[in-house]
Amino acid sequence: MSVAVVTGVAGGIGSALAERLAEQGHAIVAADLAPGVDDVAEHLRARGHEAVGVRADLTEASGRADVLRVAAEHGPIDVLV
């Protein structure tokens, strides 16, 4: 399965992109600093898609490392938005 990392997913554009990519068959790693990231991942899973939320500050190296670690559990990253 291909993996799509979608940043800023707690906002409208990010969540719409995540949903569209999930519909196209990508496993979604939803990343955002905002608490809504878990809601987006849960919404996608409820629709039958593979999705995981990562609450991380992507301006920090540790946040980027967290996202990459979670993404690696699902396979190589094919899409980064």
Protein backbone atom coordinates (compact mmCIF):
# COMPACT_ATOMS: atom_id res chain seq x y z
CA MET A 1 0.00 0.00 0.00
CA SER A 2 1.27 3.46 -0.76
CA VAL A 3 1.63 5.93 2.08
CA ALA A 4 0.66 9.59 1.98
CA VAL A 5 1.85 11.97 4.69
CA VAL A 6 -0.51 14.94 4.86
CA THR A 7 0.60 17.89 6.95
CA GLY A 8 -1.73 20.58 8.26
CA VAL A 9 -4.47 17.99 8.27
CA ALA A 10 -6.51 19.59 11.05
CA GLY A 11 -7.44 22.43 8.67
CA GLY A 12 -9.98 22.30 5.87
CA ILE A 13 -7.57 21.95 2.95
CA GLY A 14 -5.41 19.36 4.70
CA SER A 15 -8.35 17.22 5.76
CA ALA A 16 -9.86 17.37 2.26
CA LEU A 17 -6.53 16.29 0.76
CA ALA A 18 -6.24 13.44 3.24
CA GLU A 19 -9.73 12.23 2.41
CA ARG A 20 -9.11 12.40 -1.33
CA LEU A 21 -5.79 10.55 -1.07
CA ALA A 22 -7.41 7.89 1.14
CA GLU A 23 -10.15 7.42 -1.46
CA GLN A 24 -7.39 6.83 -4.01
CA GLY A 25 -6.04 3.98 -1.90
CA HIS A 26 -3.25 5.60 0.10
CA ALA A 27 -2.65 4.85 3.76
CA ILE A 28 -2.76 8.24 5.46
CA VAL A 29 -0.34 9.55 8.05
CA ALA A 30 -2.13 12.69 9.18
CA ALA A 31 0.19 15.21 10.81
CA ASP A 32 -0.56 18.48 12.56
CA LEU A 33 0.22 20.32 15.77
CA ALA A 34 -3.48 20.97 16.35
CA PRO A 35 -5.52 18.50 18.41
CA GLY A 36 -7.93 17.93 15.48
CA VAL A 37 -5.43 15.57 13.86
CA ASP A 38 -6.87 12.60 15.76
CA ASP A 39 -10.40 13.50 14.67
CA VAL A 40 -9.37 13.48 11.01
CA ALA A 41 -7.66 10.09 11.36
CA GLU A 42 -10.71 8.66 13.15
CA HIS A 43 -13.02 10.05 10.45
CA LEU A 44 -10.97 8.31 7.75
CA ARG A 45 -10.85 5.01 9.65
CA ALA A 46 -14.63 5.18 10.15
CA ARG A 47 -14.94 5.32 6.36
CA GLY A 48 -12.80 2.18 6.01
CA HIS A 49 -9.47 3.81 5.21
CA GLU A 50 -6.12 3.14 6.83
CA ALA A 51 -5.15 6.27 8.75
CA VAL A 52 -3.13 7.31 11.75
CA GLY A 53 -2.80 10.72 13.33
CA VAL A 54 0.46 12.18 14.58
CA ARG A 55 0.35 15.32 16.67
CA ALA A 56 3.71 16.92 16.00
CA ASP A 57 5.37 20.28 15.46
CA LEU A 58 6.90 19.88 12.02
CA THR A 59 9.09 22.95 12.47
CA GLU A 60 11.07 20.90 15.02
CA ALA A 61 13.40 18.03 14.08
CA SER A 62 11.83 15.82 16.74
CA GLY A 63 8.36 16.37 15.25
CA ARG A 64 9.54 15.46 11.78
CA ALA A 65 11.25 12.36 13.19
CA ASP A 66 7.99 11.29 14.87
CA VAL A 67 6.08 11.58 11.60
CA LEU A 68 8.74 9.68 9.66
CA ARG A 69 8.85 6.93 12.31
CA VAL A 70 5.08 6.42 12.14
CA ALA A 71 5.06 6.54 8.33
CA ALA A 72 7.82 3.91 8.17
CA GLU A 73 5.55 1.51 10.06
CA HIS A 74 3.20 1.58 7.04
CA GLY A 75 5.76 1.48 4.23
CA PRO A 76 7.74 3.94 2.15
CA ILE A 77 6.31 7.42 1.73
CA ASP A 78 4.90 7.92 -1.77
CA VAL A 79 3.17 11.26 -1.27
CA LEU A 80 4.12 14.18 0.99
CA VAL A 81 1.77 17.15 1.19
